PDB file of N, CA and C in Angstrom:
ATOM      1  N   UNK A   1      99.824 200.797 110.744  1.00  0.00           N
ATOM      2  CA  UNK A   1      99.481 200.077 109.498  1.00  0.00           C
ATOM      3  C   UNK A   1      98.193 199.282 109.882  1.00  0.00           C
ATOM      4  N   UNK A   2      97.297 198.863 108.527  1.00  0.00           N
ATOM      5  CA  UNK A   2      96.144 198.563 108.771  1.00  0.00           C
ATOM      6  C   UNK A   2      96.267 197.200 108.207  1.00  0.00           C
ATOM      7  N   UNK A   3      95.574 196.084 109.121  1.00  0.00           N
ATOM      8  CA  UNK A   3      95.867 194.516 108.786  1.00  0.00           C
ATOM      9  C   UNK A   3      94.830 194.008 108.388  1.00  0.00           C
ATOM     10  N   UNK A   4      94.852 193.596 106.823  1.00  0.00           N
ATOM     11  CA  UNK A   4      93.869 193.119 106.057  1.00  0.00           C
ATOM     12  C   UNK A   4      94.096 191.466 106.217  1.00  0.00           C
ATOM     13  N   UNK A   5      95.349 190.995 105.971  1.00  0.00           N
ATOM     14  CA  UNK A   5      95.443 190.069 105.460  1.00  0.00           C
ATOM     15  C   UNK A   5      95.028 189.137 107.118  1.00  0.00           C
ATOM     16  N   UNK A   6      94.506 189.292 108.162  1.00  0.00           N
ATOM     17  CA  UNK A   6      94.102 188.433 109.054  1.00  0.00           C
ATOM     18  C   UNK A   6      92.926 188.153 108.961  1.00  0.00           C
ATOM     19  N   UNK A   7      92.148 188.744 107.823  1.00  0.00           N
ATOM     20  CA  UNK A   7      90.796 188.624 107.671  1.00  0.00           C
ATOM     21  C   UNK A   7      90.708 187.685 106.496  1.00  0.00           C
ATOM     22  N   UNK A   8      89.925 186.501 106.856  1.00  0.00           N
ATOM     23  CA  UNK A   8      89.628 185.404 106.170  1.00  0.00           C
ATOM     24  C   UNK A   8      88.513 185.486 104.996  1.00  0.00           C
ATOM     25  N   UNK A   9      88.967 185.456 103.734  1.00  0.00           N
ATOM     26  CA  UNK A   9      88.119 185.754 102.541  1.00  0.00           C
ATOM     27  C   UNK A   9      87.837 184.867 102.165  1.00  0.00           C
ATOM     28  N   UNK A  10      86.571 184.241 102.001  1.00  0.00           N
ATOM     29  CA  UNK A  10      86.346 182.855 101.028  1.00  0.00           C
ATOM     30  C   UNK A  10      85.175 183.411  99.878  1.00  0.00           C
ATOM     31  N   UNK A  11      85.657 183.325  98.811  1.00  0.00           N
ATOM     32  CA  UNK A  11      84.599 183.935  97.955  1.00  0.00           C
ATOM     33  C   UNK A  11      83.497 182.185  97.440  1.00  0.00           C
ATOM     34  N   UNK A  12      82.413 182.266  97.678  1.00  0.00           N
ATOM     35  CA  UNK A  12      81.684 181.283  97.513  1.00  0.00           C
ATOM     36  C   UNK A  12      80.455 181.977  96.163  1.00  0.00           C
ATOM     37  N   UNK A  13      80.899 181.829  94.905  1.00  0.00           N
ATOM     38  CA  UNK A  13      79.782 181.333  94.160  1.00  0.00           C
ATOM     39  C   UNK A  13      78.285 181.420  94.309  1.00  0.00           C
ATOM     40  N   UNK A  14      78.123 180.394  94.699  1.00  0.00           N
ATOM     41  CA  UNK A  14      76.772 180.148  95.594  1.00  0.00           C
ATOM     42  C   UNK A  14      75.859 180.856  96.781  1.00  0.00           C
ATOM     43  N   UNK A  15      76.864 181.679  97.428  1.00  0.00           N
ATOM     44  CA  UNK A  15      76.735 182.204  98.554  1.00  0.00           C
ATOM     45  C   UNK A  15      75.022 182.615  98.182  1.00  0.00           C
ATOM     46  N   UNK A  16      74.231 182.695  99.884  1.00  0.00           N
ATOM     47  CA  UNK A  16      73.027 183.165  99.635  1.00  0.00           C
ATOM     48  C   UNK A  16      73.045 183.543 100.815  1.00  0.00           C
ATOM     49  N   UNK A  17      71.890 184.150 101.467  1.00  0.00           N
ATOM     50  CA  UNK A  17      71.455 184.786 102.378  1.00  0.00           C
ATOM     51  C   UNK A  17      72.470 185.491 103.654  1.00  0.00           C
ATOM     52  N   UNK A  18      72.473 185.154 104.786  1.00  0.00           N
ATOM     53  CA  UNK A  18      73.221 186.019 105.577  1.00  0.00           C
ATOM     54  C   UNK A  18      74.950 185.653 105.196  1.00  0.00           C
ATOM     55  N   UNK A  19      75.202 184.674 104.411  1.00  0.00           N
ATOM     56  CA  UNK A  19      76.459 184.526 103.822  1.00  0.00           C
ATOM     57  C   UNK A  19      76.683 185.305 103.104  1.00  0.00           C
ATOM     58  N   UNK A  20      76.026 185.214 101.925  1.00  0.00           N
ATOM     59  CA  UNK A  20      76.100 186.445 100.822  1.00  0.00           C
ATOM     60  C   UNK A  20      76.452 187.961 101.257  1.00  0.00           C
ATOM     61  N   UNK A  21      75.634 188.283 102.414  1.00  0.00           N
ATOM     62  CA  UNK A  21      75.967 189.592 103.412  1.00  0.00           C
ATOM     63  C   UNK A  21      77.144 189.696 103.659  1.00  0.00           C
ATOM     64  N   UNK A  22      77.740 188.634 104.547  1.00  0.00           N
ATOM     65  CA  UNK A  22      78.879 188.815 104.882  1.00  0.00           C
ATOM     66  C   UNK A  22      80.283 188.664 103.924  1.00  0.00           C
ATOM     67  N   UNK A  23      80.037 188.237 102.888  1.00  0.00           N
ATOM     68  CA  UNK A  23      80.703 187.761 102.011  1.00  0.00           C
ATOM     69  C   UNK A  23      80.986 189.465 101.089  1.00  0.00           C
ATOM     70  N   UNK A  24      79.676 190.070 100.656  1.00  0.00           N
ATOM     71  CA  UNK A  24      79.850 190.994 100.120  1.00  0.00           C
ATOM     72  C   UNK A  24      80.908 192.290 100.936  1.00  0.00           C
ATOM     73  N   UNK A  25      80.057 192.430 102.400  1.00  0.00           N
ATOM     74  CA  UNK A  25      81.209 193.437 103.310  1.00  0.00           C
ATOM     75  C   UNK A  25      82.849 192.933 103.178  1.00  0.00           C
ATOM     76  N   UNK A  26      82.842 191.853 103.164  1.00  0.00           N
ATOM     77  CA  UNK A  26      84.491 191.481 103.262  1.00  0.00           C
ATOM     78  C   UNK A  26      85.146 191.907 101.839  1.00  0.00           C
ATOM     79  N   UNK A  27      84.592 191.723 100.710  1.00  0.00           N
ATOM     80  CA  UNK A  27      84.711 192.412  99.813  1.00  0.00           C
ATOM     81  C   UNK A  27      84.924 193.740  99.756  1.00  0.00           C
ATOM     82  N   UNK A  28      83.859 194.736 100.370  1.00  0.00           N
ATOM     83  CA  UNK A  28      83.835 196.148 100.361  1.00  0.00           C
ATOM     84  C   UNK A  28      85.128 196.349 101.402  1.00  0.00           C
ATOM     85  N   UNK A  29      85.034 195.534 102.128  1.00  0.00           N
ATOM     86  CA  UNK A  29      86.454 196.314 103.077  1.00  0.00           C
ATOM     87  C   UNK A  29      87.843 196.476 103.166  1.00  0.00           C
ATOM     88  N   UNK A  30      87.845 195.071 102.095  1.00  0.00           N
ATOM     89  CA  UNK A  30      89.229 194.729 101.724  1.00  0.00           C
ATOM     90  C   UNK A  30      89.608 195.621 100.251  1.00  0.00           C
ATOM     91  N   UNK A  31      89.043 196.312  99.497  1.00  0.00           N
ATOM     92  CA  UNK A  31      88.967 196.945  98.427  1.00  0.00           C
ATOM     93  C   UNK A  31      89.614 198.386  98.471  1.00  0.00           C
ATOM     94  N   UNK A  32      90.791 198.703  98.199  1.00  0.00           N
ATOM     95  CA  UNK A  32      90.986 199.943  98.146  1.00  0.00           C
ATOM     96  C   UNK A  32      89.958 200.595  96.988  1.00  0.00           C
ATOM     97  N   UNK A  33      89.958 201.686  97.943  1.00  0.00           N
ATOM     98  CA  UNK A  33      88.953 203.181  96.970  1.00  0.00           C
ATOM     99  C   UNK A  33      89.636 203.095  95.805  1.00  0.00           C
ATOM    100  N   UNK A  34      88.839 203.294  94.578  1.00  0.00           N
ATOM    101  CA  UNK A  34      89.785 203.610  93.164  1.00  0.00           C
ATOM    102  C   UNK A  34      90.237 202.537  92.596  1.00  0.00           C
ATOM    103  N   UNK A  35      89.802 201.112  92.873  1.00  0.00           N
ATOM    104  CA  UNK A  35      90.481 200.091  91.934  1.00  0.00           C
ATOM    105  C   UNK A  35      89.714 199.399  91.222  1.00  0.00           C
ATOM    106  N   UNK A  36      88.236 199.788  91.499  1.00  0.00           N
ATOM    107  CA  UNK A  36      87.014 199.527  90.539  1.00  0.00           C
ATOM    108  C   UNK A  36      86.908 199.921  89.689  1.00  0.00           C
ATOM    109  N   UNK A  37      86.923 199.376  88.185  1.00  0.00           N
ATOM    110  CA  UNK A  37      86.470 200.294  87.050  1.00  0.00           C
ATOM    111  C   UNK A  37      84.983 200.918  87.161  1.00  0.00           C
ATOM    112  N   UNK A  38      84.545 201.823  86.744  1.00  0.00           N
ATOM    113  CA  UNK A  38      83.257 202.085  86.454  1.00  0.00           C
ATOM    114  C   UNK A  38      82.710 202.631  87.813  1.00  0.00           C
ATOM    115  N   UNK A  39      83.205 202.648  89.082  1.00  0.00           N
ATOM    116  CA  UNK A  39      82.666 202.717  90.577  1.00  0.00           C
ATOM    117  C   UNK A  39      84.129 202.825  91.246  1.00  0.00           C
ATOM    118  N   UNK A  40      84.541 204.118  90.911  1.00  0.00           N
ATOM    119  CA  UNK A  40      85.954 204.481  91.694  1.00  0.00           C
ATOM    120  C   UNK A  40      85.436 204.782  93.437  1.00  0.00           C
ATOM    121  N   UNK A  41      84.350 204.895  93.991  1.00  0.00           N
ATOM    122  CA  UNK A  41      84.302 205.054  95.133  1.00  0.00           C
ATOM    123  C   UNK A  41      83.655 203.605  95.721  1.00  0.00           C
ATOM    124  N   UNK A  42      83.945 202.591  95.157  1.00  0.00           N
ATOM    125  CA  UNK A  42      83.711 201.484  95.928  1.00  0.00           C
ATOM    126  C   UNK A  42      84.822 201.224  96.619  1.00  0.00           C
ATOM    127  N   UNK A  43      84.814 200.357  97.787  1.00  0.00           N
ATOM    128  CA  UNK A  43      85.954 200.114  98.594  1.00  0.00           C
ATOM    129  C   UNK A  43      86.092 201.016  99.947  1.00  0.00           C
ATOM    130  N   UNK A  44      87.303 200.967 100.464  1.00  0.00           N
ATOM    131  CA  UNK A  44      87.946 201.586 101.743  1.00  0.00           C
ATOM    132  C   UNK A  44      88.947 202.666 101.021  1.00  0.00           C
ATOM    133  N   UNK A  45      88.761 203.723 101.531  1.00  0.00           N
ATOM    134  CA  UNK A  45      89.954 204.727 101.119  1.00  0.00           C
ATOM    135  C   UNK A  45      91.222 204.689 102.374  1.00  0.00           C
ATOM    136  N   UNK A  46      92.176 203.859 102.112  1.00  0.00           N
ATOM    137  CA  UNK A  46      93.140 204.010 102.916  1.00  0.00           C
ATOM    138  C   UNK A  46      94.240 204.859 103.088  1.00  0.00           C
ATOM    139  N   UNK A  47      94.048 206.060 102.932  1.00  0.00           N
ATOM    140  CA  UNK A  47      95.075 206.926 103.082  1.00  0.00           C
ATOM    141  C   UNK A  47      95.758 207.712 103.923  1.00  0.00           C
ATOM    142  N   UNK A  48      94.781 207.071 105.081  1.00  0.00           N
ATOM    143  CA  UNK A  48      95.287 207.604 106.633  1.00  0.00           C
ATOM    144  C   UNK A  48      96.188 206.600 106.832  1.00  0.00           C
ATOM    145  N   UNK A  49      96.820 205.807 106.236  1.00  0.00           N
ATOM    146  CA  UNK A  49      97.826 204.613 106.925  1.00  0.00           C
ATOM    147  C   UNK A  49      98.740 205.109 107.828  1.00  0.00           C
ATOM    148  N   UNK A  50      99.158 206.382 107.326  1.00  0.00           N
ATOM    149  CA  UNK A  50     100.447 206.587 108.395  1.00  0.00           C
ATOM    150  C   UNK A  50      99.855 207.822 109.295  1.00  0.00           C
ATOM    151  N   UNK A  51      98.583 208.157 109.611  1.00  0.00           N
ATOM    152  CA  UNK A  51      98.036 208.583 110.662  1.00  0.00           C
ATOM    153  C   UNK A  51      98.490 208.216 112.004  1.00  0.00           C
ATOM    154  N   UNK A  52      98.499 208.710 113.031  1.00  0.00           N
ATOM    155  CA  UNK A  52      98.204 208.112 114.385  1.00  0.00           C
ATOM    156  C   UNK A  52      97.520 207.227 114.439  1.00  0.00           C
ATOM    157  N   UNK A  53      97.437 206.138 115.091  1.00  0.00           N
ATOM    158  CA  UNK A  53      96.581 205.026 115.332  1.00  0.00           C
ATOM    159  C   UNK A  53      94.836 205.548 116.021  1.00  0.00           C
ATOM    160  N   UNK A  54      94.780 206.453 116.642  1.00  0.00           N
ATOM    161  CA  UNK A  54      93.461 207.164 117.014  1.00  0.00           C
ATOM    162  C   UNK A  54      92.853 207.933 116.045  1.00  0.00           C
ATOM    163  N   UNK A  55      93.428 208.388 115.005  1.00  0.00           N
ATOM    164  CA  UNK A  55      93.100 209.106 113.989  1.00  0.00           C
ATOM    165  C   UNK A  55      92.630 208.034 113.022  1.00  0.00           C
ATOM    166  N   UNK A  56      93.458 207.050 112.784  1.00  0.00           N
ATOM    167  CA  UNK A  56      93.577 206.250 111.410  1.00  0.00           C
ATOM    168  C   UNK A  56      92.227 205.566 112.159  1.00  0.00           C
ATOM    169  N   UNK A  57      92.063 205.085 113.069  1.00  0.00           N
ATOM    170  CA  UNK A  57      90.443 204.338 113.831  1.00  0.00           C
ATOM    171  C   UNK A  57      89.575 205.048 113.463  1.00  0.00           C
ATOM    172  N   UNK A  58      89.396 206.643 113.942  1.00  0.00           N
ATOM    173  CA  UNK A  58      88.508 207.106 113.626  1.00  0.00           C
ATOM    174  C   UNK A  58      87.852 207.325 112.081  1.00  0.00           C
ATOM    175  N   UNK A  59      88.871 207.391 111.494  1.00  0.00           N
ATOM    176  CA  UNK A  59      88.863 207.822 109.965  1.00  0.00           C
ATOM    177  C   UNK A  59      88.153 205.951 109.618  1.00  0.00           C
ATOM    178  N   UNK A  60      88.762 205.527 109.921  1.00  0.00           N
ATOM    179  CA  UNK A  60      88.493 203.954 109.438  1.00  0.00           C
ATOM    180  C   UNK A  60      87.062 203.618 109.892  1.00  0.00           C
ATOM    181  N   UNK A  61      86.422 203.997 111.000  1.00  0.00           N
ATOM    182  CA  UNK A  61      85.614 203.613 111.446  1.00  0.00           C
ATOM    183  C   UNK A  61      84.066 204.359 110.468  1.00  0.00           C
ATOM    184  N   UNK A  62      84.283 205.240 110.499  1.00  0.00           N
ATOM    185  CA  UNK A  62      83.427 206.417 109.374  1.00  0.00           C
ATOM    186  C   UNK A  62      83.501 205.452 107.854  1.00  0.00           C
ATOM    187  N   UNK A  63      84.731 205.363 107.245  1.00  0.00           N
ATOM    188  CA  UNK A  63      84.672 204.840 106.140  1.00  0.00           C
ATOM    189  C   UNK A  63      84.000 203.325 105.912  1.00  0.00           C
ATOM    190  N   UNK A  64      84.122 202.478 106.956  1.00  0.00           N
ATOM    191  CA  UNK A  64      83.525 201.328 106.695  1.00  0.00           C
ATOM    192  C   UNK A  64      81.829 201.584 107.052  1.00  0.00           C
ATOM    193  N   UNK A  65      81.314 202.464 108.167  1.00  0.00           N
ATOM    194  CA  UNK A  65      80.377 202.469 108.086  1.00  0.00           C
ATOM    195  C   UNK A  65      79.075 203.300 106.805  1.00  0.00           C
ATOM    196  N   UNK A  66      79.699 203.995 106.347  1.00  0.00           N
ATOM    197  CA  UNK A  66      79.414 204.793 105.280  1.00  0.00           C
ATOM    198  C   UNK A  66      79.428 203.857 103.873  1.00  0.00           C
ATOM    199  N   UNK A  67      80.537 203.073 103.452  1.00  0.00           N
ATOM    200  CA  UNK A  67      80.456 202.049 102.260  1.00  0.00           C
ATOM    201  C   UNK A  67      79.800 200.741 102.716  1.00  0.00           C
ATOM    202  N   UNK A  68      79.532 200.389 103.742  1.00  0.00           N
ATOM    203  CA  UNK A  68      78.612 199.554 103.869  1.00  0.00           C
ATOM    204  C   UNK A  68      77.205 200.047 103.839  1.00  0.00           C
ATOM    205  N   UNK A  69      77.024 201.286 104.387  1.00  0.00           N
ATOM    206  CA  UNK A  69      75.622 201.506 104.158  1.00  0.00           C
ATOM    207  C   UNK A  69      75.228 201.784 102.740  1.00  0.00           C
ATOM    208  N   UNK A  70      76.315 202.109 101.674  1.00  0.00           N
ATOM    209  CA  UNK A  70      76.004 202.404 100.521  1.00  0.00           C
ATOM    210  C   UNK A  70      75.766 201.191  99.716  1.00  0.00           C
ATOM    211  N   UNK A  71      76.999 200.259  99.981  1.00  0.00           N
ATOM    212  CA  UNK A  71      77.236 199.102  98.934  1.00  0.00           C
ATOM    213  C   UNK A  71      76.309 198.073  99.589  1.00  0.00           C
ATOM    214  N   UNK A  72      75.950 197.527 100.793  1.00  0.00           N
ATOM    215  CA  UNK A  72      75.101 196.414 101.258  1.00  0.00           C
ATOM    216  C   UNK A  72      74.426 196.904 102.379  1.00  0.00           C
ATOM    217  N   UNK A  73      73.022 197.308 101.636  1.00  0.00           N
ATOM    218  CA  UNK A  73      71.913 197.807 102.139  1.00  0.00           C
ATOM    219  C   UNK A  73      71.104 196.822 103.543  1.00  0.00           C
ATOM    220  N   UNK A  74      71.664 195.485 103.175  1.00  0.00           N
ATOM    221  CA  UNK A  74      70.803 194.463 103.884  1.00  0.00           C
ATOM    222  C   UNK A  74      71.622 194.411 105.563  1.00  0.00           C
ATOM    223  N   UNK A  75      72.415 195.297 105.742  1.00  0.00           N
ATOM    224  CA  UNK A  75      73.256 195.031 106.596  1.00  0.00           C
ATOM    225  C   UNK A  75      73.572 196.496 107.262  1.00  0.00           C
ATOM    226  N   UNK A  76      73.591 196.715 108.533  1.00  0.00           N
ATOM    227  CA  UNK A  76      73.742 197.807 109.657  1.00  0.00           C
ATOM    228  C   UNK A  76      75.119 197.572 110.370  1.00  0.00           C
ATOM    229  N   UNK A  77      75.850 198.274 110.377  1.00  0.00           N
ATOM    230  CA  UNK A  77      76.952 198.669 111.275  1.00  0.00           C
ATOM    231  C   UNK A  77      76.598 199.107 112.791  1.00  0.00           C
ATOM    232  N   UNK A  78      76.783 198.085 113.652  1.00  0.00           N
ATOM    233  CA  UNK A  78      76.153 198.453 114.957  1.00  0.00           C
ATOM    234  C   UNK A  78      77.589 199.140 115.667  1.00  0.00           C
ATOM    235  N   UNK A  79      78.747 198.625 115.630  1.00  0.00           N
ATOM    236  CA  UNK A  79      80.026 198.805 116.200  1.00  0.00           C
ATOM    237  C   UNK A  79      81.529 198.780 115.239  1.00  0.00           C
ATOM    238  N   UNK A  80      82.338 199.404 115.241  1.00  0.00           N
ATOM    239  CA  UNK A  80      83.219 198.942 114.953  1.00  0.00           C
ATOM    240  C   UNK A  80      84.408 199.033 115.803  1.00  0.00           C
ATOM    241  N   UNK A  81      85.219 198.041 116.076  1.00  0.00           N
ATOM    242  CA  UNK A  81      86.023 197.857 117.199  1.00  0.00           C
ATOM    243  C   UNK A  81      87.487 197.481 116.613  1.00  0.00           C
ATOM    244  N   UNK A  82      88.318 197.813 117.276  1.00  0.00           N
ATOM    245  CA  UNK A  82      89.867 197.364 116.685  1.00  0.00           C
ATOM    246  C   UNK A  82      90.844 197.005 117.800  1.00  0.00           C
ATOM    247  N   UNK A  83      91.267 195.728 117.130  1.00  0.00           N
ATOM    248  CA  UNK A  83      92.476 195.022 118.071  1.00  0.00           C
ATOM    249  C   UNK A  83      93.837 195.998 117.528  1.00  0.00           C
ATOM    250  N   UNK A  84      94.666 196.307 118.317  1.00  0.00           N
ATOM    251  CA  UNK A  84      95.639 197.174 117.944  1.00  0.00           C
ATOM    252  C   UNK A  84      96.915 195.910 118.242  1.00  0.00           C
ATOM    253  N   UNK A  85      97.856 195.402 117.470  1.00  0.00           N
ATOM    254  CA  UNK A  85      98.714 194.294 117.875  1.00  0.00           C
ATOM    255  C   UNK A  85      99.961 194.757 116.680  1.00  0.00           C
ATOM    256  N   UNK A  86     101.195 195.308 117.647  1.00  0.00           N
ATOM    257  CA  UNK A  86     102.209 195.451 117.310  1.00  0.00           C
ATOM    258  C   UNK A  86     102.362 196.757 116.078  1.00  0.00           C
ATOM    259  N   UNK A  87     101.445 197.676 116.635  1.00  0.00           N
ATOM    260  CA  UNK A  87     101.262 198.761 116.099  1.00  0.00           C
ATOM    261  C   UNK A  87     100.445 198.864 114.506  1.00  0.00           C
ATOM    262  N   UNK A  88      99.566 197.377 114.330  1.00  0.00           N
ATOM    263  CA  UNK A  88      98.635 197.327 113.065  1.00  0.00           C
ATOM    264  C   UNK A  88      97.483 196.934 113.709  1.00  0.00           C
ATOM    265  N   UNK A  89      96.803 198.023 112.742  1.00  0.00           N
ATOM    266  CA  UNK A  89      95.134 198.136 113.188  1.00  0.00           C
ATOM    267  C   UNK A  89      94.173 197.050 112.317  1.00  0.00           C
ATOM    268  N   UNK A  90      93.753 196.328 113.308  1.00  0.00           N
ATOM    269  CA  UNK A  90      92.764 195.079 113.007  1.00  0.00           C
ATOM    270  C   UNK A  90      91.181 195.165 113.278  1.00  0.00           C
ATOM    271  N   UNK A  91      90.629 195.724 112.078  1.00  0.00           N
ATOM    272  CA  UNK A  91      89.034 195.959 112.226  1.00  0.00           C
ATOM    273  C   UNK A  91      88.305 195.008 112.510  1.00  0.00           C
ATOM    274  N   UNK A  92      87.452 195.216 113.630  1.00  0.00           N
ATOM    275  CA  UNK A  92      86.291 194.146 113.706  1.00  0.00           C
ATOM    276  C   UNK A  92      84.936 194.218 113.694  1.00  0.00           C
ATOM    277  N   UNK A  93      84.063 194.359 112.800  1.00  0.00           N
ATOM    278  CA  UNK A  93      82.822 194.812 112.361  1.00  0.00           C
ATOM    279  C   UNK A  93      81.616 193.984 113.182  1.00  0.00           C
ATOM    280  N   UNK A  94      80.752 195.016 113.694  1.00  0.00           N
ATOM    281  CA  UNK A  94      79.438 194.213 114.748  1.00  0.00           C
ATOM    282  C   UNK A  94      78.493 194.706 113.747  1.00  0.00           C
ATOM    283  N   UNK A  95      77.491 193.586 113.227  1.00  0.00           N
ATOM    284  CA  UNK A  95      76.829 193.909 112.130  1.00  0.00           C
ATOM    285  C   UNK A  95      75.436 193.538 112.623  1.00  0.00           C
ATOM    286  N   UNK A  96      74.209 194.407 112.369  1.00  0.00           N
ATOM    287  CA  UNK A  96      72.904 193.850 112.438  1.00  0.00           C
ATOM    288  C   UNK A  96      72.642 193.477 110.787  1.00  0.00           C
ATOM    289  N   UNK A  97      72.020 192.371 110.482  1.00  0.00           N
ATOM    290  CA  UNK A  97      71.234 192.045 109.871  1.00  0.00           C
ATOM    291  C   UNK A  97      70.139 192.347 109.437  1.00  0.00           C
ATOM    292  N   UNK A  98      69.495 193.297 108.138  1.00  0.00           N
ATOM    293  CA  UNK A  98      68.404 193.712 108.072  1.00  0.00           C
ATOM    294  C   UNK A  98      67.439 192.743 107.379  1.00  0.00           C
TER     295      UNK A  98
END
């Protein structure tokens, strides 16, 4: 299971600079793919949710890197790490801001 509830999301309409980039990435990784009208590719594909942990982590790593590259070009994903607690996968993303 992927635990996105542990991710704090705070939407700030006046976000600027780095804060805006972080906010955009949080929206990208917490939006299930196929749920945004007119852009069904936006978000993360969580179809691997019942896969073995290592397979899910690999698939999720690729998804996060590709989607951040596509939808937030001001950030570059340096590394995706995971905490696995009680069979829940909690992603931690290390970024370089461009």
